[in-house]
PDB file of N, CA and C in Angstrom:
ATOM      1  N   MET A   1      15.549  17.954   2.707  1.00  0.00           N
ATOM      2  CA  MET A   1      15.385  17.677   1.296  1.00  0.00           C
ATOM      3  C   MET A   1      15.112  16.194   1.062  1.00  0.00           C
ATOM      4  N   ILE A   2      15.941  15.329   1.656  1.00  0.00           N
ATOM      5  CA  ILE A   2      15.760  13.892   1.492  1.00  0.00           C
ATOM      6  C   ILE A   2      14.470  13.438   2.167  1.00  0.00           C
ATOM      7  N   SER A   3      14.195  13.970   3.359  1.00  0.00           N
ATOM      8  CA  SER A   3      12.981  13.563   4.064  1.00  0.00           C
ATOM      9  C   SER A   3      11.732  13.983   3.292  1.00  0.00           C
ATOM     10  N   ARG A   4      11.773  15.118   2.633  1.00  0.00           N
ATOM     11  CA  ARG A   4      10.632  15.557   1.831  1.00  0.00           C
ATOM     12  C   ARG A   4      10.418  14.600   0.649  1.00  0.00           C
ATOM     13  N   PHE A   5      11.495  14.187   0.019  1.00  0.00           N
ATOM     14  CA  PHE A   5      11.405  13.247  -1.094  1.00  0.00           C
ATOM     15  C   PHE A   5      10.845  11.900  -0.626  1.00  0.00           C
ATOM     16  N   ILE A   6      11.339  11.405   0.502  1.00  0.00           N
ATOM     17  CA  ILE A   6      10.858  10.139   1.056  1.00  0.00           C
ATOM     18  C   ILE A   6       9.374  10.239   1.394  1.00  0.00           C
ATOM     19  N   ASN A   7       8.959  11.350   1.993  1.00  0.00           N
ATOM     20  CA  ASN A   7       7.543  11.528   2.311  1.00  0.00           C
ATOM     21  C   ASN A   7       6.685  11.579   1.056  1.00  0.00           C
ATOM     22  N   GLN A   8       7.197  12.161  -0.013  1.00  0.00           N
ATOM     23  CA  GLN A   8       6.463  12.182  -1.277  1.00  0.00           C
ATOM     24  C   GLN A   8       6.322  10.767  -1.844  1.00  0.00           C
ATOM     25  N   LEU A   9       7.354   9.945  -1.696  1.00  0.00           N
ATOM     26  CA  LEU A   9       7.262   8.558  -2.141  1.00  0.00           C
ATOM     27  C   LEU A   9       6.200   7.789  -1.358  1.00  0.00           C
ATOM     28  N   PHE A  10       6.178   7.995  -0.047  1.00  0.00           N
ATOM     29  CA  PHE A  10       5.143   7.361   0.770  1.00  0.00           C
ATOM     30  C   PHE A  10       3.755   7.833   0.339  1.00  0.00           C
ATOM     31  N   TYR A  11       3.603   9.127   0.121  1.00  0.00           N
ATOM     32  CA  TYR A  11       2.315   9.682  -0.307  1.00  0.00           C
ATOM     33  C   TYR A  11       1.886   9.072  -1.642  1.00  0.00           C
ATOM     34  N   PHE A  12       2.804   8.949  -2.572  1.00  0.00           N
ATOM     35  CA  PHE A  12       2.517   8.353  -3.872  1.00  0.00           C
ATOM     36  C   PHE A  12       2.085   6.900  -3.710  1.00  0.00           C
ATOM     37  N   TYR A  13       2.741   6.162  -2.828  1.00  0.00           N
ATOM     38  CA  TYR A  13       2.375   4.763  -2.619  1.00  0.00           C
ATOM     39  C   TYR A  13       1.012   4.652  -1.944  1.00  0.00           C
ATOM     40  N   TYR A  14       0.720   5.560  -1.010  1.00  0.00           N
ATOM     41  CA  TYR A  14      -0.622   5.603  -0.421  1.00  0.00           C
ATOM     42  C   TYR A  14      -1.679   5.772  -1.516  1.00  0.00           C
ATOM     43  N   LEU A  15      -1.470   6.692  -2.427  1.00  0.00           N
ATOM     44  CA  LEU A  15      -2.422   6.929  -3.506  1.00  0.00           C
ATOM     45  C   LEU A  15      -2.590   5.700  -4.393  1.00  0.00           C
ATOM     46  N   ILE A  16      -1.485   5.058  -4.718  1.00  0.00           N
ATOM     47  CA  ILE A  16      -1.553   3.864  -5.550  1.00  0.00           C
ATOM     48  C   ILE A  16      -2.325   2.747  -4.833  1.00  0.00           C
ATOM     49  N   LEU A  17      -2.104   2.613  -3.527  1.00  0.00           N
ATOM     50  CA  LEU A  17      -2.853   1.610  -2.769  1.00  0.00           C
ATOM     51  C   LEU A  17      -4.348   1.910  -2.759  1.00  0.00           C
ATOM     52  N   ILE A  18      -4.695   3.173  -2.582  1.00  0.00           N
ATOM     53  CA  ILE A  18      -6.107   3.552  -2.571  1.00  0.00           C
ATOM     54  C   ILE A  18      -6.748   3.268  -3.927  1.00  0.00           C
ATOM     55  N   ILE A  19      -6.059   3.622  -4.995  1.00  0.00           N
ATOM     56  CA  ILE A  19      -6.585   3.348  -6.335  1.00  0.00           C
ATOM     57  C   ILE A  19      -6.761   1.840  -6.527  1.00  0.00           C
ATOM     58  N   ARG A  20      -5.791   1.067  -6.101  1.00  0.00           N
ATOM     59  CA  ARG A  20      -5.863  -0.397  -6.231  1.00  0.00           C
ATOM     60  C   ARG A  20      -7.062  -0.952  -5.468  1.00  0.00           C
ATOM     61  N   ILE A  21      -7.285  -0.460  -4.270  1.00  0.00           N
ATOM     62  CA  ILE A  21      -8.405  -0.945  -3.453  1.00  0.00           C
ATOM     63  C   ILE A  21      -9.738  -0.569  -4.084  1.00  0.00           C
ATOM     64  N   PHE A  22      -9.862   0.651  -4.567  1.00  0.00           N
ATOM     65  CA  PHE A  22     -11.115   1.047  -5.212  1.00  0.00           C
ATOM     66  C   PHE A  22     -11.372   0.249  -6.488  1.00  0.00           C
ATOM     67  N   LEU A  23     -10.330  -0.064  -7.216  1.00  0.00           N
ATOM     68  CA  LEU A  23     -10.510  -0.823  -8.453  1.00  0.00           C
ATOM     69  C   LEU A  23     -10.964  -2.262  -8.199  1.00  0.00           C
ATOM     70  N   THR A  24     -10.705  -2.792  -7.013  1.00  0.00           N
ATOM     71  CA  THR A  24     -11.182  -4.145  -6.714  1.00  0.00           C
ATOM     72  C   THR A  24     -12.699  -4.193  -6.600  1.00  0.00           C
ATOM     73  N   TRP A  25     -13.330  -3.051  -6.444  1.00  0.00           N
ATOM     74  CA  TRP A  25     -14.792  -3.019  -6.360  1.00  0.00           C
ATOM     75  C   TRP A  25     -15.441  -3.118  -7.738  1.00  0.00           C
ATOM     76  N   ILE A  26     -14.670  -2.983  -8.779  1.00  0.00           N
ATOM     77  CA  ILE A  26     -15.189  -3.098 -10.144  1.00  0.00           C
ATOM     78  C   ILE A  26     -14.958  -4.544 -10.590  1.00  0.00           C
ATOM     79  N   PRO A  27     -16.035  -5.298 -10.769  1.00  0.00           N
ATOM     80  CA  PRO A  27     -15.868  -6.751 -10.959  1.00  0.00           C
ATOM     81  C   PRO A  27     -15.297  -7.188 -12.300  1.00  0.00           C
ATOM     82  N   ASN A  28     -15.443  -6.407 -13.350  1.00  0.00           N
ATOM     83  CA  ASN A  28     -15.027  -6.907 -14.671  1.00  0.00           C
ATOM     84  C   ASN A  28     -13.728  -6.284 -15.173  1.00  0.00           C
ATOM     85  N   ILE A  29     -12.818  -5.952 -14.269  1.00  0.00           N
ATOM     86  CA  ILE A  29     -11.511  -5.432 -14.673  1.00  0.00           C
ATOM     87  C   ILE A  29     -10.598  -6.599 -15.040  1.00  0.00           C
ATOM     88  N   ASP A  30      -9.929  -6.461 -16.162  1.00  0.00           N
ATOM     89  CA  ASP A  30      -8.941  -7.456 -16.583  1.00  0.00           C
ATOM     90  C   ASP A  30      -7.599  -7.072 -15.958  1.00  0.00           C
ATOM     91  N   TRP A  31      -7.232  -7.749 -14.868  1.00  0.00           N
ATOM     92  CA  TRP A  31      -6.024  -7.405 -14.124  1.00  0.00           C
ATOM     93  C   TRP A  31      -4.747  -7.777 -14.867  1.00  0.00           C
ATOM     94  N   ASP A  32      -4.884  -8.505 -15.958  1.00  0.00           N
ATOM     95  CA  ASP A  32      -3.705  -8.867 -16.742  1.00  0.00           C
ATOM     96  C   ASP A  32      -3.372  -7.846 -17.817  1.00  0.00           C
ATOM     97  N   SER A  33      -4.217  -6.818 -17.995  1.00  0.00           N
ATOM     98  CA  SER A  33      -3.944  -5.770 -18.985  1.00  0.00           C
ATOM     99  C   SER A  33      -3.344  -4.558 -18.276  1.00  0.00           C
ATOM    100  N   GLN A  34      -2.689  -3.729 -19.050  1.00  0.00           N
ATOM    101  CA  GLN A  34      -2.095  -2.507 -18.503  1.00  0.00           C
ATOM    102  C   GLN A  34      -3.157  -1.424 -18.430  1.00  0.00           C
ATOM    103  N   PRO A  35      -3.148  -0.531 -17.503  1.00  0.00           N
ATOM    104  CA  PRO A  35      -2.210  -0.283 -16.402  1.00  0.00           C
ATOM    105  C   PRO A  35      -2.515  -1.089 -15.146  1.00  0.00           C
ATOM    106  N   PHE A  36      -3.564  -1.927 -15.202  1.00  0.00           N
ATOM    107  CA  PHE A  36      -3.982  -2.664 -14.008  1.00  0.00           C
ATOM    108  C   PHE A  36      -2.930  -3.669 -13.562  1.00  0.00           C
ATOM    109  N   ASN A  37      -2.255  -4.294 -14.489  1.00  0.00           N
ATOM    110  CA  ASN A  37      -1.196  -5.237 -14.147  1.00  0.00           C
ATOM    111  C   ASN A  37      -0.056  -4.527 -13.417  1.00  0.00           C
ATOM    112  N   PHE A  38       0.272  -3.322 -13.853  1.00  0.00           N
ATOM    113  CA  PHE A  38       1.318  -2.540 -13.182  1.00  0.00           C
ATOM    114  C   PHE A  38       0.906  -2.212 -11.748  1.00  0.00           C
ATOM    115  N   LEU A  39      -0.338  -1.759 -11.564  1.00  0.00           N
ATOM    116  CA  LEU A  39      -0.822  -1.449 -10.214  1.00  0.00           C
ATOM    117  C   LEU A  39      -0.754  -2.683  -9.320  1.00  0.00           C
ATOM    118  N   ARG A  40      -1.189  -3.793  -9.855  1.00  0.00           N
ATOM    119  CA  ARG A  40      -1.182  -5.028  -9.080  1.00  0.00           C
ATOM    120  C   ARG A  40       0.237  -5.457  -8.735  1.00  0.00           C
ATOM    121  N   SER A  41       1.155  -5.272  -9.668  1.00  0.00           N
ATOM    122  CA  SER A  41       2.530  -5.733  -9.436  1.00  0.00           C
ATOM    123  C   SER A  41       3.261  -4.909  -8.386  1.00  0.00           C
ATOM    124  N   ILE A  42       2.875  -3.656  -8.188  1.00  0.00           N
ATOM    125  CA  ILE A  42       3.580  -2.851  -7.181  1.00  0.00           C
ATOM    126  C   ILE A  42       2.832  -2.774  -5.853  1.00  0.00           C
ATOM    127  N   THR A  43       1.567  -3.185  -5.818  1.00  0.00           N
ATOM    128  CA  THR A  43       0.835  -3.130  -4.553  1.00  0.00           C
ATOM    129  C   THR A  43       0.634  -4.503  -3.921  1.00  0.00           C
ATOM    130  N   ASP A  44       0.447  -5.537  -4.730  1.00  0.00           N
ATOM    131  CA  ASP A  44       0.136  -6.854  -4.172  1.00  0.00           C
ATOM    132  C   ASP A  44       1.249  -7.460  -3.312  1.00  0.00           C
ATOM    133  N   PRO A  45       2.527  -7.287  -3.629  1.00  0.00           N
ATOM    134  CA  PRO A  45       3.538  -7.851  -2.711  1.00  0.00           C
ATOM    135  C   PRO A  45       3.417  -7.290  -1.288  1.00  0.00           C
ATOM    136  N   PHE A  46       3.124  -6.014  -1.171  1.00  0.00           N
ATOM    137  CA  PHE A  46       2.951  -5.420   0.163  1.00  0.00           C
ATOM    138  C   PHE A  46       1.646  -5.894   0.792  1.00  0.00           C
ATOM    139  N   LEU A  47       0.559  -5.896   0.031  1.00  0.00           N
ATOM    140  CA  LEU A  47      -0.735  -6.309   0.576  1.00  0.00           C
ATOM    141  C   LEU A  47      -0.765  -7.796   0.918  1.00  0.00           C
ATOM    142  N   ASN A  48      -0.036  -8.607   0.174  1.00  0.00           N
ATOM    143  CA  ASN A  48      -0.040 -10.057   0.423  1.00  0.00           C
ATOM    144  C   ASN A  48       0.567 -10.412   1.769  1.00  0.00           C
ATOM    145  N   ILE A  49       1.440  -9.567   2.283  1.00  0.00           N
ATOM    146  CA  ILE A  49       1.989  -9.792   3.626  1.00  0.00           C
ATOM    147  C   ILE A  49       0.855  -9.856   4.634  1.00  0.00           C
ATOM    148  N   PHE A  50      -0.098  -8.956   4.506  1.00  0.00           N
ATOM    149  CA  PHE A  50      -1.190  -8.853   5.463  1.00  0.00           C
ATOM    150  C   PHE A  50      -2.348  -9.784   5.115  1.00  0.00           C
ATOM    151  N   ARG A  51      -2.500 -10.108   3.851  1.00  0.00           N
ATOM    152  CA  ARG A  51      -3.535 -11.071   3.448  1.00  0.00           C
ATOM    153  C   ARG A  51      -3.221 -12.460   3.992  1.00  0.00           C
ATOM    154  N   GLY A  52      -1.950 -12.769   4.125  1.00  0.00           N
ATOM    155  CA  GLY A  52      -1.569 -14.066   4.670  1.00  0.00           C
ATOM    156  C   GLY A  52      -1.818 -14.174   6.160  1.00  0.00           C
ATOM    157  N   VAL A  53      -1.859 -13.046   6.847  1.00  0.00           N
ATOM    158  CA  VAL A  53      -2.057 -13.039   8.294  1.00  0.00           C
ATOM    159  C   VAL A  53      -3.530 -12.908   8.651  1.00  0.00           C
ATOM    160  N   ILE A  54      -4.257 -12.085   7.901  1.00  0.00           N
ATOM    161  CA  ILE A  54      -5.652 -11.797   8.204  1.00  0.00           C
ATOM    162  C   ILE A  54      -6.525 -12.341   7.073  1.00  0.00           C
ATOM    163  N   PRO A  55      -7.263 -13.413   7.333  1.00  0.00           N
ATOM    164  CA  PRO A  55      -8.124 -13.945   6.276  1.00  0.00           C
ATOM    165  C   PRO A  55      -9.331 -13.034   6.050  1.00  0.00           C
ATOM    166  N   PRO A  56      -9.919 -13.083   4.875  1.00  0.00           N
ATOM    167  CA  PRO A  56     -11.120 -12.286   4.610  1.00  0.00           C
ATOM    168  C   PRO A  56     -12.263 -12.685   5.540  1.00  0.00           C
ATOM    169  N   ILE A  57     -13.017 -11.694   5.968  1.00  0.00           N
ATOM    170  CA  ILE A  57     -14.155 -11.933   6.849  1.00  0.00           C
ATOM    171  C   ILE A  57     -15.314 -12.446   6.007  1.00  0.00           C
ATOM    172  N   GLY A  58     -15.851 -13.577   6.375  1.00  0.00           N
ATOM    173  CA  GLY A  58     -16.959 -14.163   5.636  1.00  0.00           C
ATOM    174  C   GLY A  58     -16.571 -14.601   4.236  1.00  0.00           C
ATOM    175  N   GLY A  59     -15.274 -14.680   3.964  1.00  0.00           N
ATOM    176  CA  GLY A  59     -14.808 -15.086   2.649  1.00  0.00           C
ATOM    177  C   GLY A  59     -14.844 -13.985   1.606  1.00  0.00           C
ATOM    178  N   MET A  60     -15.388 -12.824   1.946  1.00  0.00           N
ATOM    179  CA  MET A  60     -15.558 -11.761   0.959  1.00  0.00           C
ATOM    180  C   MET A  60     -14.891 -10.442   1.358  1.00  0.00           C
ATOM    181  N   LEU A  61     -15.003 -10.062   2.615  1.00  0.00           N
ATOM    182  CA  LEU A  61     -14.528  -8.744   3.058  1.00  0.00           C
ATOM    183  C   LEU A  61     -13.077  -8.825   3.501  1.00  0.00           C
ATOM    184  N   ASP A  62     -12.205  -8.200   2.731  1.00  0.00           N
ATOM    185  CA  ASP A  62     -10.771  -8.211   3.008  1.00  0.00           C
ATOM    186  C   ASP A  62     -10.403  -6.938   3.763  1.00  0.00           C
ATOM    187  N   ILE A  63     -10.060  -7.087   5.046  1.00  0.00           N
ATOM    188  CA  ILE A  63      -9.679  -5.913   5.843  1.00  0.00           C
ATOM    189  C   ILE A  63      -8.172  -5.750   5.934  1.00  0.00           C
ATOM    190  N   SER A  64      -7.427  -6.606   5.250  1.00  0.00           N
ATOM    191  CA  SER A  64      -5.968  -6.509   5.306  1.00  0.00           C
ATOM    192  C   SER A  64      -5.438  -5.170   4.796  1.00  0.00           C
ATOM    193  N   PRO A  65      -6.078  -4.476   3.819  1.00  0.00           N
ATOM    194  CA  PRO A  65      -5.551  -3.166   3.426  1.00  0.00           C
ATOM    195  C   PRO A  65      -5.570  -2.139   4.558  1.00  0.00           C
ATOM    196  N   ILE A  66      -6.526  -2.265   5.475  1.00  0.00           N
ATOM    197  CA  ILE A  66      -6.560  -1.337   6.613  1.00  0.00           C
ATOM    198  C   ILE A  66      -5.317  -1.527   7.466  1.00  0.00           C
ATOM    199  N   ILE A  67      -4.984  -2.780   7.752  1.00  0.00           N
ATOM    200  CA  ILE A  67      -3.779  -3.076   8.532  1.00  0.00           C
ATOM    201  C   ILE A  67      -2.540  -2.657   7.752  1.00  0.00           C
ATOM    202  N   ALA A  68      -2.569  -2.830   6.441  1.00  0.00           N
ATOM    203  CA  ALA A  68      -1.433  -2.433   5.601  1.00  0.00           C
ATOM    204  C   ALA A  68      -1.211  -0.925   5.670  1.00  0.00           C
ATOM    205  N   PHE A  69      -2.296  -0.143   5.685  1.00  0.00           N
ATOM    206  CA  PHE A  69      -2.154   1.313   5.800  1.00  0.00           C
ATOM    207  C   PHE A  69      -1.543   1.701   7.140  1.00  0.00           C
ATOM    208  N   PHE A  70      -1.980   1.036   8.219  1.00  0.00           N
ATOM    209  CA  PHE A  70      -1.382   1.318   9.529  1.00  0.00           C
ATOM    210  C   PHE A  70       0.104   0.966   9.535  1.00  0.00           C
ATOM    211  N   ALA A  71       0.450  -0.175   8.973  1.00  0.00           N
ATOM    212  CA  ALA A  71       1.856  -0.586   8.930  1.00  0.00           C
ATOM    213  C   ALA A  71       2.684   0.384   8.092  1.00  0.00           C
ATOM    214  N   LEU A  72       2.125   0.835   6.974  1.00  0.00           N
ATOM    215  CA  LEU A  72       2.842   1.794   6.126  1.00  0.00           C
ATOM    216  C   LEU A  72       3.043   3.122   6.857  1.00  0.00           C
ATOM    217  N   GLN A  73       2.029   3.518   7.618  1.00  0.00           N
ATOM    218  CA  GLN A  73       2.150   4.757   8.396  1.00  0.00           C
ATOM    219  C   GLN A  73       3.246   4.628   9.456  1.00  0.00           C
ATOM    220  N   PHE A  74       3.273   3.480  10.162  1.00  0.00           N
ATOM    221  CA  PHE A  74       4.328   3.267  11.160  1.00  0.00           C
ATOM    222  C   PHE A  74       5.704   3.229  10.503  1.00  0.00           C
ATOM    223  N   LEU A  75       5.788   2.622   9.340  1.00  0.00           N
ATOM    224  CA  LEU A  75       7.054   2.591   8.603  1.00  0.00           C
ATOM    225  C   LEU A  75       7.487   4.008   8.228  1.00  0.00           C
ATOM    226  N   GLN A  76       6.543   4.822   7.773  1.00  0.00           N
ATOM    227  CA  GLN A  76       6.868   6.200   7.412  1.00  0.00           C
ATOM    228  C   GLN A  76       7.342   6.983   8.637  1.00  0.00           C
ATOM    229  N   ILE A  77       6.688   6.800   9.767  1.00  0.00           N
ATOM    230  CA  ILE A  77       7.108   7.482  10.991  1.00  0.00           C
ATOM    231  C   ILE A  77       8.514   7.041  11.384  1.00  0.00           C
ATOM    232  N   GLY A  78       8.787   5.739  11.283  1.00  0.00           N
ATOM    233  CA  GLY A  78      10.118   5.236  11.623  1.00  0.00           C
ATOM    234  C   GLY A  78      11.198   5.768  10.708  1.00  0.00           C
ATOM    235  N   VAL A  79      10.910   5.814   9.422  1.00  0.00           N
ATOM    236  CA  VAL A  79      11.891   6.339   8.461  1.00  0.00           C
ATOM    237  C   VAL A  79      12.127   7.825   8.725  1.00  0.00           C
ATOM    238  N   ASN A  80      11.065   8.570   8.988  1.00  0.00           N
ATOM    239  CA  ASN A  80      11.223   9.996   9.293  1.00  0.00           C
ATOM    240  C   ASN A  80      12.031  10.203  10.563  1.00  0.00           C
ATOM    241  N   TRP A  81      11.808   9.359  11.552  1.00  0.00           N
ATOM    242  CA  TRP A  81      12.562   9.462  12.791  1.00  0.00           C
ATOM    243  C   TRP A  81      14.043   9.206  12.552  1.00  0.00           C
ATOM    244  N   LEU A  82      14.345   8.166  11.761  1.00  0.00           N
ATOM    245  CA  LEU A  82      15.744   7.875  11.438  1.00  0.00           C
ATOM    246  C   LEU A  82      16.395   9.001  10.647  1.00  0.00           C
ATOM    247  N   LEU A  83      15.674   9.541   9.697  1.00  0.00           N
ATOM    248  CA  LEU A  83      16.226  10.653   8.907  1.00  0.00           C
ATOM    249  C   LEU A  83      16.480  11.870   9.790  1.00  0.00           C
ATOM    250  N   ALA A  84      15.570  12.136  10.711  1.00  0.00           N
ATOM    251  CA  ALA A  84      15.754  13.260  11.628  1.00  0.00           C
ATOM    252  C   ALA A  84      16.938  13.007  12.560  1.00  0.00           C
ATOM    253  N   ALA A  85      17.121  11.754  12.991  1.00  0.00           N
ATOM    254  CA  ALA A  85      18.231  11.420  13.888  1.00  0.00           C
ATOM    255  C   ALA A  85      19.573  11.630  13.180  1.00  0.00           C
ATOM    256  N   PHE A  86      19.617  11.390  11.878  1.00  0.00           N
ATOM    257  CA  PHE A  86      20.843  11.583  11.128  1.00  0.00           C
ATOM    258  C   PHE A  86      20.949  12.983  10.533  1.00  0.00           C
ATOM    259  N   GLY A  87      19.969  13.816  10.812  1.00  0.00           N
ATOM    260  CA  GLY A  87      20.014  15.194  10.334  1.00  0.00           C
ATOM    261  C   GLY A  87      19.737  15.352   8.853  1.00  0.00           C
ATOM    262  N   LEU A  88      18.997  14.418   8.286  1.00  0.00           N
ATOM    263  CA  LEU A  88      18.683  14.498   6.867  1.00  0.00           C
ATOM    264  C   LEU A  88      17.285  14.995   6.755  1.00  0.00           C
TER     265      LEU A  88
END
């Protein structure tokens, strides 16, 4: 039950990240208005971890979200493993 809920949270965050990434392709979005500010506030702290490590290629192409997805997947696997170890 708990592991299913945790997996749903991860799935929801994956979707929010995908929406955030697709919205960056639209150049005239006002990121200070709602709901865009909300999306930015819950995704950018996680993405900024990887943006600080991996600079954009050619100054334009940001591949840090790809690494962020891999890290999130590894985190989900680790959390699932811990939940299974504790029988949750």
